[in-house]
Amino acid sequence: MTTRPQQTARSTDDALLAAVTDGVRVVELGQPFFTGMPCSPNHPGFRMSLQRRHGDMVRPDGGSAANELIVTGGHVGTHVDALSHVSHNGLLHGGIDAAEAQTGGRFSKLGAEHTPALLTRGVLLDVAAVHGVDMLPAGYGISAADLQAAQDRAGVRVGPGDVALVRTGWARNFDDPPTYLGQHSGVPGVAADAARWLLEVGVRATGSDTTAYEQTAPGAGHSVLPVHRILLVEGGINIIEHLALEDAAAEGLTEFAFVMAPLRIVGGTGSPIRPFAAVAA
């Protein structure tokens, strides 16, 4: 979905504010949150219910209000993994002892409150388009050569500080949870050599339009996730999952201003986000 904020006529010496004032178009990159949305079986799902409805309580002047209760895991829907999410041989990123850090029901180090808000260059690497398909096949492993071909197709170069968004087309299955989650058929995603390519070019974060970002083979589920180890533990690179990249691909976006604001959940391992691409109107 694309939205167009109202333009305002205002003079300014700030280059960024001037660009926004001249007109910016927003392209949504995240999925909506709703009860029953696809969710990895490893995480508690999203639930929302009205706890007070209009008319339950009416003020003397006739006013009324409604509100809701939201229960969700930190890795449900479009979200970003904090660096506390994955350990390897008992260690988090930077050699931090995971057992010592996870005390008192939360992480004392590398918690979600330290995941940065981002306003930086985003690059769309449309691997499905490289292969001339709307959607990569289940269980397909995206290689470093695929990412290289995707950036060549886009005419861009992924560089230090960028956010690389990898399109598989799998989000087309979002309304069909069994297929989208691919527990039996597998899900396409980034393979280990592609993760190392991203690490070497110096991305700040990376994301994809699937539930686990990386390749999951048929029948394997999420039993082994080497790409999470490479990116989160070795590289300190945040992973974004459950992106919605179909609108961005349909508009032919290749590079854009990427905006992401995680919730500052103290000691958490992940946070829901609403990411978007900002481009000139």
C-alpha atoms as a PDB file:
ATOM      1  CA  MET A   1       0.000   0.000   0.000  1.00  0.00           C
ATOM      2  CA  THR A   2       1.265   3.468  -0.905  1.00  0.00           C
ATOM      3  CA  THR A   3       0.281   6.568   1.003  1.00  0.00           C
ATOM      4  CA  ARG A   4       0.904  10.186   0.117  1.00  0.00           C
ATOM      5  CA  PRO A   5       1.287  12.566   3.075  1.00  0.00           C
ATOM      6  CA  GLN A   6      -0.142  16.040   2.743  1.00  0.00           C
ATOM      7  CA  GLN A   7       2.390  18.531   1.464  1.00  0.00           C
ATOM      8  CA  THR A   8       3.071  21.751   3.317  1.00  0.00           C
ATOM      9  CA  ALA A   9       4.573  24.920   1.909  1.00  0.00           C
ATOM     10  CA  ARG A  10       7.426  25.928   4.197  1.00  0.00           C
ATOM     11  CA  SER A  11      10.917  27.278   3.654  1.00  0.00           C
ATOM     12  CA  THR A  12      13.787  25.653   5.518  1.00  0.00           C
ATOM     13  CA  ASP A  13      17.559  25.447   5.449  1.00  0.00           C
ATOM     14  CA  ASP A  14      17.515  21.800   6.562  1.00  0.00           C
ATOM     15  CA  ALA A  15      18.145  19.569   3.530  1.00  0.00           C
ATOM     16  CA  LEU A  16      16.209  16.589   4.888  1.00  0.00           C
ATOM     17  CA  LEU A  17      13.236  18.681   5.961  1.00  0.00           C
ATOM     18  CA  ALA A  18      13.270  20.432   2.576  1.00  0.00           C
ATOM     19  CA  ALA A  19      13.128  17.072   0.804  1.00  0.00           C
ATOM     20  CA  VAL A  20      10.155  16.008   2.920  1.00  0.00           C
ATOM     21  CA  THR A  21       8.402  19.334   2.359  1.00  0.00           C
ATOM     22  CA  ASP A  22       8.819  18.968  -1.411  1.00  0.00           C
ATOM     23  CA  GLY A  23       6.757  15.773  -1.219  1.00  0.00           C
ATOM     24  CA  VAL A  24       7.485  12.208  -0.142  1.00  0.00           C
ATOM     25  CA  ARG A  25       5.584   9.078  -1.068  1.00  0.00           C
ATOM     26  CA  VAL A  26       5.422   6.251   1.472  1.00  0.00           C
ATOM     27  CA  VAL A  27       5.398   2.601   0.377  1.00  0.00           C
ATOM     28  CA  GLU A  28       4.475   0.147   3.122  1.00  0.00           C
ATOM     29  CA  LEU A  29       6.922  -2.726   3.627  1.00  0.00           C
ATOM     30  CA  GLY A  30       5.182  -4.502   6.515  1.00  0.00           C
ATOM     31  CA  GLN A  31       2.261  -6.870   6.971  1.00  0.00           C
ATOM     32  CA  PRO A  32      -0.850  -5.944   8.984  1.00  0.00           C
ATOM     33  CA  PHE A  33      -1.253  -7.470  12.446  1.00  0.00           C
ATOM     34  CA  PHE A  34      -4.421  -9.483  13.076  1.00  0.00           C
ATOM     35  CA  THR A  35      -5.615 -12.425  15.148  1.00  0.00           C
ATOM     36  CA  GLY A  36      -4.908 -15.631  13.240  1.00  0.00           C
ATOM     37  CA  MET A  37      -2.036 -14.216  11.175  1.00  0.00           C
ATOM     38  CA  PRO A  38       0.718 -16.685  10.219  1.00  0.00           C
ATOM     39  CA  CYS A  39       3.143 -17.300  13.046  1.00  0.00           C
ATOM     40  CA  SER A  40       6.111 -19.607  13.497  1.00  0.00           C
ATOM     41  CA  PRO A  41       5.234 -22.482  15.863  1.00  0.00           C
ATOM     42  CA  ASN A  42       8.335 -21.493  17.859  1.00  0.00           C
ATOM     43  CA  HIS A  43       6.684 -18.245  19.000  1.00  0.00           C
ATOM     44  CA  PRO A  44       3.455 -17.237  20.760  1.00  0.00           C
ATOM     45  CA  GLY A  45       0.964 -15.788  18.298  1.00  0.00           C
ATOM     46  CA  PHE A  46      -0.721 -12.409  18.019  1.00  0.00           C
ATOM     47  CA  ARG A  47      -4.098 -11.862  19.675  1.00  0.00           C
ATOM     48  CA  MET A  48      -6.153  -8.679  19.820  1.00  0.00           C
ATOM     49  CA  SER A  49      -9.555  -8.326  21.472  1.00  0.00           C
ATOM     50  CA  LEU A  50     -11.715  -5.354  22.387  1.00  0.00           C
ATOM     51  CA  GLN A  51     -11.860  -5.100  26.166  1.00  0.00           C
ATOM     52  CA  ARG A  52     -14.172  -2.102  26.255  1.00  0.00           C
ATOM     53  CA  ARG A  53     -16.714  -1.298  23.565  1.00  0.00           C
ATOM     54  CA  HIS A  54     -18.560   1.884  22.764  1.00  0.00           C
ATOM     55  CA  GLY A  55     -21.589   2.015  25.008  1.00  0.00           C
ATOM     56  CA  ASP A  56     -20.067  -0.056  27.835  1.00  0.00           C
ATOM     57  CA  MET A  57     -19.528   3.222  29.638  1.00  0.00           C
ATOM     58  CA  VAL A  58     -21.073   6.513  28.525  1.00  0.00           C
ATOM     59  CA  ARG A  59     -19.912   9.812  30.007  1.00  0.00           C
ATOM     60  CA  PRO A  60     -22.397  12.462  31.096  1.00  0.00           C
ATOM     61  CA  ASP A  61     -21.784  14.405  27.888  1.00  0.00           C
ATOM     62  CA  GLY A  62     -22.558  11.338  25.717  1.00  0.00           C
ATOM     63  CA  GLY A  63     -18.949  10.448  24.960  1.00  0.00           C
ATOM     64  CA  SER A  64     -17.749   6.867  24.902  1.00  0.00           C
ATOM     65  CA  ALA A  65     -14.464   5.068  24.205  1.00  0.00           C
ATOM     66  CA  ALA A  66     -13.253   1.642  23.166  1.00  0.00           C
ATOM     67  CA  ASN A  67      -9.926  -0.046  23.833  1.00  0.00           C
ATOM     68  CA  GLU A  68      -8.230  -3.381  23.295  1.00  0.00           C
ATOM     69  CA  LEU A  69      -5.919  -5.927  24.832  1.00  0.00           C
ATOM     70  CA  ILE A  70      -2.988  -7.045  22.684  1.00  0.00           C
ATOM     71  CA  VAL A  71      -0.963 -10.175  23.428  1.00  0.00           C
ATOM     72  CA  THR A  72       1.914 -11.045  21.137  1.00  0.00           C
ATOM     73  CA  GLY A  73       5.337 -12.581  20.943  1.00  0.00           C
ATOM     74  CA  GLY A  74       8.251 -10.375  19.937  1.00  0.00           C
ATOM     75  CA  HIS A  75       8.810 -12.367  16.733  1.00  0.00           C
ATOM     76  CA  VAL A  76       5.304 -12.256  15.270  1.00  0.00           C
ATOM     77  CA  GLY A  77       4.321 -10.416  12.111  1.00  0.00           C
ATOM     78  CA  THR A  78       6.731  -7.902  10.623  1.00  0.00           C
ATOM     79  CA  HIS A  79       9.459  -7.626  13.241  1.00  0.00           C
ATOM     80  CA  VAL A  80      13.169  -7.190  13.798  1.00  0.00           C
ATOM     81  CA  ASP A  81      15.432  -9.613  15.671  1.00  0.00           C
ATOM     82  CA  ALA A  82      17.498  -8.115  18.480  1.00  0.00           C
ATOM     83  CA  LEU A  83      21.069  -9.344  18.893  1.00  0.00           C
ATOM     84  CA  SER A  84      20.000 -11.235  22.029  1.00  0.00           C
ATOM     85  CA  HIS A  85      17.767 -13.509  19.929  1.00  0.00           C
ATOM     86  CA  VAL A  86      20.355 -16.153  18.949  1.00  0.00           C
ATOM     87  CA  SER A  87      23.472 -17.555  20.612  1.00  0.00           C
ATOM     88  CA  HIS A  88      26.100 -20.006  19.415  1.00  0.00           C
ATOM     89  CA  ASN A  89      27.984 -22.291  21.786  1.00  0.00           C
ATOM     90  CA  GLY A  90      26.525 -20.246  24.627  1.00  0.00           C
ATOM     91  CA  LEU A  91      27.689 -16.875  23.315  1.00  0.00           C
ATOM     92  CA  LEU A  92      25.846 -13.868  21.915  1.00  0.00           C
ATOM     93  CA  HIS A  93      27.312 -11.273  19.545  1.00  0.00           C
ATOM     94  CA  GLY A  94      30.576  -9.866  20.850  1.00  0.00           C
ATOM     95  CA  GLY A  95      31.330 -12.941  22.952  1.00  0.00           C
ATOM     96  CA  ILE A  96      28.718 -12.092  25.603  1.00  0.00           C
ATOM     97  CA  ASP A  97      27.760 -15.074  27.764  1.00  0.00           C
ATOM     98  CA  ALA A  98      24.103 -15.761  26.981  1.00  0.00           C
ATOM     99  CA  ALA A  99      23.320 -17.456  30.289  1.00  0.00           C
ATOM    100  CA  GLU A 100      24.729 -14.572  32.302  1.00  0.00           C
ATOM    101  CA  ALA A 101      22.891 -11.995  30.175  1.00  0.00           C
ATOM    102  CA  GLN A 102      19.444 -13.600  30.472  1.00  0.00           C
ATOM    103  CA  THR A 103      18.722 -12.891  34.114  1.00  0.00           C
ATOM    104  CA  GLY A 104      15.601 -11.673  35.887  1.00  0.00           C
ATOM    105  CA  GLY A 105      13.300 -12.616  33.028  1.00  0.00           C
ATOM    106  CA  ARG A 106      15.021 -10.377  30.472  1.00  0.00           C
ATOM    107  CA  PHE A 107      18.374  -9.709  28.812  1.00  0.00           C
ATOM    108  CA  SER A 108      20.727  -7.346  30.584  1.00  0.00           C
ATOM    109  CA  LYS A 109      22.734  -6.928  27.377  1.00  0.00           C
ATOM    110  CA  LEU A 110      21.823  -6.691  23.678  1.00  0.00           C
ATOM    111  CA  GLY A 111      18.087  -6.402  24.444  1.00  0.00           C
ATOM    112  CA  ALA A 112      15.561  -5.044  21.962  1.00  0.00           C
ATOM    113  CA  GLU A 113      15.822  -1.544  23.441  1.00  0.00           C
ATOM    114  CA  HIS A 114      19.261  -1.370  21.821  1.00  0.00           C
ATOM    115  CA  THR A 115      17.996  -2.225  18.317  1.00  0.00           C
ATOM    116  CA  PRO A 116      18.393   1.073  16.494  1.00  0.00           C
ATOM    117  CA  ALA A 117      15.709   3.028  14.736  1.00  0.00           C
ATOM    118  CA  LEU A 118      16.843   3.359  11.136  1.00  0.00           C
ATOM    119  CA  LEU A 119      16.597   6.082   8.528  1.00  0.00           C
ATOM    120  CA  THR A 120      19.064   4.920   5.925  1.00  0.00           C
ATOM    121  CA  ARG A 121      19.438   3.691   2.363  1.00  0.00           C
ATOM    122  CA  GLY A 122      17.402   0.622   1.545  1.00  0.00           C
ATOM    123  CA  VAL A 123      18.028  -1.636  -1.443  1.00  0.00           C
ATOM    124  CA  LEU A 124      15.514  -4.118  -2.855  1.00  0.00           C
ATOM    125  CA  LEU A 125      17.166  -7.295  -4.121  1.00  0.00           C
ATOM    126  CA  ASP A 126      14.429  -8.963  -6.147  1.00  0.00           C
ATOM    127  CA  VAL A 127      15.705 -12.519  -6.504  1.00  0.00           C
ATOM    128  CA  ALA A 128      12.351 -13.801  -7.792  1.00  0.00           C
ATOM    129  CA  ALA A 129      12.554 -11.322 -10.675  1.00  0.00           C
ATOM    130  CA  VAL A 130      16.121 -12.439 -11.437  1.00  0.00           C
ATOM    131  CA  HIS A 131      14.726 -15.910 -12.090  1.00  0.00           C
ATOM    132  CA  GLY A 132      11.753 -14.569 -14.051  1.00  0.00           C
ATOM    133  CA  VAL A 133       9.139 -15.874 -11.613  1.00  0.00           C
ATOM    134  CA  ASP A 134       6.552 -14.295  -9.319  1.00  0.00           C
ATOM    135  CA  MET A 135       7.693 -16.504  -6.456  1.00  0.00           C
ATOM    136  CA  LEU A 136      10.726 -18.675  -5.792  1.00  0.00           C
ATOM    137  CA  PRO A 137      10.025 -22.397  -5.281  1.00  0.00           C
ATOM    138  CA  ALA A 138       9.595 -23.809  -1.785  1.00  0.00           C
ATOM    139  CA  GLY A 139      12.902 -24.574  -0.098  1.00  0.00           C
ATOM    140  CA  TYR A 140      15.020 -22.649  -2.630  1.00  0.00           C
ATOM    141  CA  GLY A 141      18.356 -21.479  -1.233  1.00  0.00           C
ATOM    142  CA  ILE A 142      19.311 -17.949  -2.298  1.00  0.00           C
ATOM    143  CA  SER A 143      23.022 -17.852  -3.045  1.00  0.00           C
ATOM    144  CA  ALA A 144      25.584 -15.064  -3.061  1.00  0.00           C
ATOM    145  CA  ALA A 145      25.432 -15.230  -6.857  1.00  0.00           C
ATOM    146  CA  ASP A 146      21.672 -14.622  -6.680  1.00  0.00           C
ATOM    147  CA  LEU A 147      22.169 -11.492  -4.584  1.00  0.00           C
ATOM    148  CA  GLN A 148      24.890 -10.295  -6.929  1.00  0.00           C
ATOM    149  CA  ALA A 149      22.589 -10.849  -9.912  1.00  0.00           C
ATOM    150  CA  ALA A 150      19.746  -9.026  -8.131  1.00  0.00           C
ATOM    151  CA  GLN A 151      21.837  -5.934  -7.503  1.00  0.00           C
ATOM    152  CA  ASP A 152      23.107  -6.033 -11.092  1.00  0.00           C
ATOM    153  CA  ARG A 153      19.509  -6.207 -12.307  1.00  0.00           C
ATOM    154  CA  ALA A 154      18.573  -3.244 -10.116  1.00  0.00           C
ATOM    155  CA  GLY A 155      21.601  -1.243 -11.208  1.00  0.00           C
ATOM    156  CA  VAL A 156      22.646  -0.598  -7.602  1.00  0.00           C
ATOM    157  CA  ARG A 157      25.428  -1.655  -5.277  1.00  0.00           C
ATOM    158  CA  VAL A 158      24.798  -2.722  -1.715  1.00  0.00           C
ATOM    159  CA  GLY A 159      27.238  -1.006   0.597  1.00  0.00           C
ATOM    160  CA  PRO A 160      28.150  -0.311   4.225  1.00  0.00           C
ATOM    161  CA  GLY A 161      25.236   0.874   6.345  1.00  0.00           C
ATOM    162  CA  ASP A 162      22.559  -0.180   3.858  1.00  0.00           C
ATOM    163  CA  VAL A 163      19.492  -2.272   4.621  1.00  0.00           C
ATOM    164  CA  ALA A 164      19.191  -5.090   2.068  1.00  0.00           C
ATOM    165  CA  LEU A 165      15.648  -6.384   1.515  1.00  0.00           C
ATOM    166  CA  VAL A 166      15.494  -9.736  -0.262  1.00  0.00           C
ATOM    167  CA  ARG A 167      12.317 -10.503  -2.208  1.00  0.00           C
ATOM    168  CA  THR A 168      11.368 -14.149  -2.738  1.00  0.00           C
ATOM    169  CA  GLY A 169       7.714 -13.488  -3.621  1.00  0.00           C
ATOM    170  CA  TRP A 170       6.674 -15.846  -0.820  1.00  0.00           C
ATOM    171  CA  ALA A 171       4.505 -13.146   0.796  1.00  0.00           C
ATOM    172  CA  ARG A 172       1.938 -13.958  -1.880  1.00  0.00           C
ATOM    173  CA  ASN A 173       1.115 -16.934   0.379  1.00  0.00           C
ATOM    174  CA  PHE A 174       0.569 -14.813   3.495  1.00  0.00           C
ATOM    175  CA  ASP A 175      -3.201 -15.446   3.487  1.00  0.00           C
ATOM    176  CA  ASP A 176      -2.556 -19.208   3.369  1.00  0.00           C
ATOM    177  CA  PRO A 177      -0.715 -19.854   6.663  1.00  0.00           C
ATOM    178  CA  PRO A 178       0.116 -23.577   6.138  1.00  0.00           C
ATOM    179  CA  THR A 179       1.761 -22.831   2.801  1.00  0.00           C
ATOM    180  CA  TYR A 180       3.374 -19.599   3.988  1.00  0.00           C
ATOM    181  CA  LEU A 181       4.967 -21.275   7.013  1.00  0.00           C
ATOM    182  CA  GLY A 182       6.120 -24.193   4.826  1.00  0.00           C
ATOM    183  CA  GLN A 183       6.637 -26.690   7.619  1.00  0.00           C
ATOM    184  CA  HIS A 184       6.358 -29.611   5.200  1.00  0.00           C
ATOM    185  CA  SER A 185       7.246 -28.043   1.831  1.00  0.00           C
ATOM    186  CA  GLY A 186       9.951 -25.658   3.007  1.00  0.00           C
ATOM    187  CA  VAL A 187      10.355 -21.929   2.367  1.00  0.00           C
ATOM    188  CA  PRO A 188      12.780 -20.107   0.057  1.00  0.00           C
ATOM    189  CA  GLY A 189      15.365 -17.950   1.740  1.00  0.00           C
ATOM    190  CA  VAL A 190      18.912 -16.758   2.107  1.00  0.00           C
ATOM    191  CA  ALA A 191      21.569 -19.503   2.302  1.00  0.00           C
ATOM    192  CA  ALA A 192      24.808 -19.323   4.280  1.00  0.00           C
ATOM    193  CA  ASP A 193      27.037 -18.077   1.447  1.00  0.00           C
ATOM    194  CA  ALA A 194      24.600 -15.239   0.723  1.00  0.00           C
ATOM    195  CA  ALA A 195      24.615 -14.288   4.414  1.00  0.00           C
ATOM    196  CA  ARG A 196      28.401 -14.051   4.312  1.00  0.00           C
ATOM    197  CA  TRP A 197      28.146 -11.882   1.179  1.00  0.00           C
ATOM    198  CA  LEU A 198      25.877  -9.490   3.079  1.00  0.00           C
ATOM    199  CA  LEU A 199      28.269  -9.488   6.027  1.00  0.00           C
ATOM    200  CA  GLU A 200      31.222  -8.723   3.771  1.00  0.00           C
ATOM    201  CA  VAL A 201      29.535  -5.770   2.036  1.00  0.00           C
ATOM    202  CA  GLY A 202      28.728  -4.313   5.446  1.00  0.00           C
ATOM    203  CA  VAL A 203      24.922  -4.063   5.607  1.00  0.00           C
ATOM    204  CA  ARG A 204      23.399  -2.619   8.770  1.00  0.00           C
ATOM    205  CA  ALA A 205      20.356  -4.884   8.615  1.00  0.00           C
ATOM    206  CA  THR A 206      18.666  -7.230   6.188  1.00  0.00           C
ATOM    207  CA  GLY A 207      15.181  -8.645   5.791  1.00  0.00           C
ATOM    208  CA  SER A 208      12.933 -10.774   3.645  1.00  0.00           C
ATOM    209  CA  ASP A 209       9.293 -11.608   2.943  1.00  0.00           C
ATOM    210  CA  THR A 210       9.242 -14.952   4.790  1.00  0.00           C
ATOM    211  CA  THR A 211       8.801 -16.167   8.332  1.00  0.00           C
ATOM    212  CA  ALA A 212      12.435 -17.096   9.069  1.00  0.00           C
ATOM    213  CA  TYR A 213      14.432 -15.045   6.513  1.00  0.00           C
ATOM    214  CA  GLU A 214      16.718 -17.937   5.685  1.00  0.00           C
ATOM    215  CA  GLN A 215      16.197 -21.061   3.600  1.00  0.00           C
ATOM    216  CA  THR A 216      14.195 -23.819   5.270  1.00  0.00           C
ATOM    217  CA  ALA A 217      14.372 -27.153   3.495  1.00  0.00           C
ATOM    218  CA  PRO A 218      11.308 -29.404   3.110  1.00  0.00           C
ATOM    219  CA  GLY A 219      10.527 -31.157   6.379  1.00  0.00           C
ATOM    220  CA  ALA A 220      13.391 -29.459   8.228  1.00  0.00           C
ATOM    221  CA  GLY A 221      11.374 -26.671   9.806  1.00  0.00           C
ATOM    222  CA  HIS A 222      13.517 -24.335  11.883  1.00  0.00           C
ATOM    223  CA  SER A 223      15.700 -27.063  13.371  1.00  0.00           C
ATOM    224  CA  VAL A 224      18.930 -25.457  12.154  1.00  0.00           C
ATOM    225  CA  LEU A 225      19.300 -21.745  11.341  1.00  0.00           C
ATOM    226  CA  PRO A 226      22.908 -21.077  10.283  1.00  0.00           C
ATOM    227  CA  VAL A 227      22.126 -17.718   8.692  1.00  0.00           C
ATOM    228  CA  HIS A 228      20.856 -16.343  12.007  1.00  0.00           C
ATOM    229  CA  ARG A 229      24.158 -17.359  13.563  1.00  0.00           C
ATOM    230  CA  ILE A 230      26.200 -15.698  10.811  1.00  0.00           C
ATOM    231  CA  LEU A 231      24.251 -12.442  10.807  1.00  0.00           C
ATOM    232  CA  LEU A 232      23.191 -11.966  14.441  1.00  0.00           C
ATOM    233  CA  VAL A 233      26.017 -13.641  16.355  1.00  0.00           C
ATOM    234  CA  GLU A 234      29.020 -13.169  14.075  1.00  0.00           C
ATOM    235  CA  GLY A 235      28.063  -9.993  12.275  1.00  0.00           C
ATOM    236  CA  GLY A 236      25.846  -8.061  14.684  1.00  0.00           C
ATOM    237  CA  ILE A 237      23.432  -7.564  11.784  1.00  0.00           C
ATOM    238  CA  ASN A 238      19.727  -7.309  12.648  1.00  0.00           C
ATOM    239  CA  ILE A 239      17.285  -9.512  10.715  1.00  0.00           C
ATOM    240  CA  ILE A 240      13.818  -8.347   9.648  1.00  0.00           C
ATOM    241  CA  GLU A 241      11.158 -10.981   8.912  1.00  0.00           C
ATOM    242  CA  HIS A 242       7.623 -11.146   7.493  1.00  0.00           C
ATOM    243  CA  LEU A 243       8.149  -8.175   5.165  1.00  0.00           C
ATOM    244  CA  ALA A 244       5.612  -7.247   2.489  1.00  0.00           C
ATOM    245  CA  LEU A 245       7.620  -6.472  -0.639  1.00  0.00           C
ATOM    246  CA  GLU A 246       5.069  -6.962  -3.423  1.00  0.00           C
ATOM    247  CA  ASP A 247       4.060  -3.288  -3.701  1.00  0.00           C
ATOM    248  CA  ALA A 248       7.685  -2.160  -3.706  1.00  0.00           C
ATOM    249  CA  ALA A 249       8.507  -4.673  -6.445  1.00  0.00           C
ATOM    250  CA  ALA A 250       5.446  -3.719  -8.502  1.00  0.00           C
ATOM    251  CA  GLU A 251       6.556  -0.081  -8.393  1.00  0.00           C
ATOM    252  CA  GLY A 252      10.051  -1.033  -9.510  1.00  0.00           C
ATOM    253  CA  LEU A 253      11.762   0.315  -6.409  1.00  0.00           C
ATOM    254  CA  THR A 254      15.469  -0.419  -6.251  1.00  0.00           C
ATOM    255  CA  GLU A 255      16.918   2.071  -3.744  1.00  0.00           C
ATOM    256  CA  PHE A 256      15.034   4.316  -1.338  1.00  0.00           C
ATOM    257  CA  ALA A 257      15.041   5.855   2.109  1.00  0.00           C
ATOM    258  CA  PHE A 258      14.305   3.005   4.496  1.00  0.00           C
ATOM    259  CA  VAL A 259      12.554   3.828   7.768  1.00  0.00           C
ATOM    260  CA  MET A 260      12.165   1.431  10.702  1.00  0.00           C
ATOM    261  CA  ALA A 261      11.243   2.132  14.320  1.00  0.00           C
ATOM    262  CA  PRO A 262      11.391  -0.812  16.758  1.00  0.00           C
ATOM    263  CA  LEU A 263       9.679  -0.665  20.138  1.00  0.00           C
ATOM    264  CA  ARG A 264      12.174  -0.163  22.960  1.00  0.00           C
ATOM    265  CA  ILE A 265      11.319  -3.386  24.781  1.00  0.00           C
ATOM    266  CA  VAL A 266      13.817  -3.560  27.625  1.00  0.00           C
ATOM    267  CA  GLY A 267      15.571  -6.925  27.663  1.00  0.00           C
ATOM    268  CA  GLY A 268      13.511  -8.306  24.779  1.00  0.00           C
ATOM    269  CA  THR A 269      14.733 -10.467  21.893  1.00  0.00           C
ATOM    270  CA  GLY A 270      12.691  -8.831  19.128  1.00  0.00           C
ATOM    271  CA  SER A 271      10.176  -6.116  18.372  1.00  0.00           C
ATOM    272  CA  PRO A 272       7.223  -5.559  16.042  1.00  0.00           C
ATOM    273  CA  ILE A 273       7.907  -2.799  13.511  1.00  0.00           C
ATOM    274  CA  ARG A 274       6.155  -0.878  10.750  1.00  0.00           C
ATOM    275  CA  PRO A 275       8.851  -0.341   8.108  1.00  0.00           C
ATOM    276  CA  PHE A 276       8.356   1.704   4.964  1.00  0.00           C
ATOM    277  CA  ALA A 277      10.172   3.083   1.950  1.00  0.00           C
ATOM    278  CA  ALA A 278      10.125   6.840   1.438  1.00  0.00           C
ATOM    279  CA  VAL A 279      10.600   8.034  -2.146  1.00  0.00           C
ATOM    280  CA  ALA A 280      10.134  11.335  -3.911  1.00  0.00           C
ATOM    281  CA  ALA A 281       6.520  12.050  -4.854  1.00  0.00           C
END
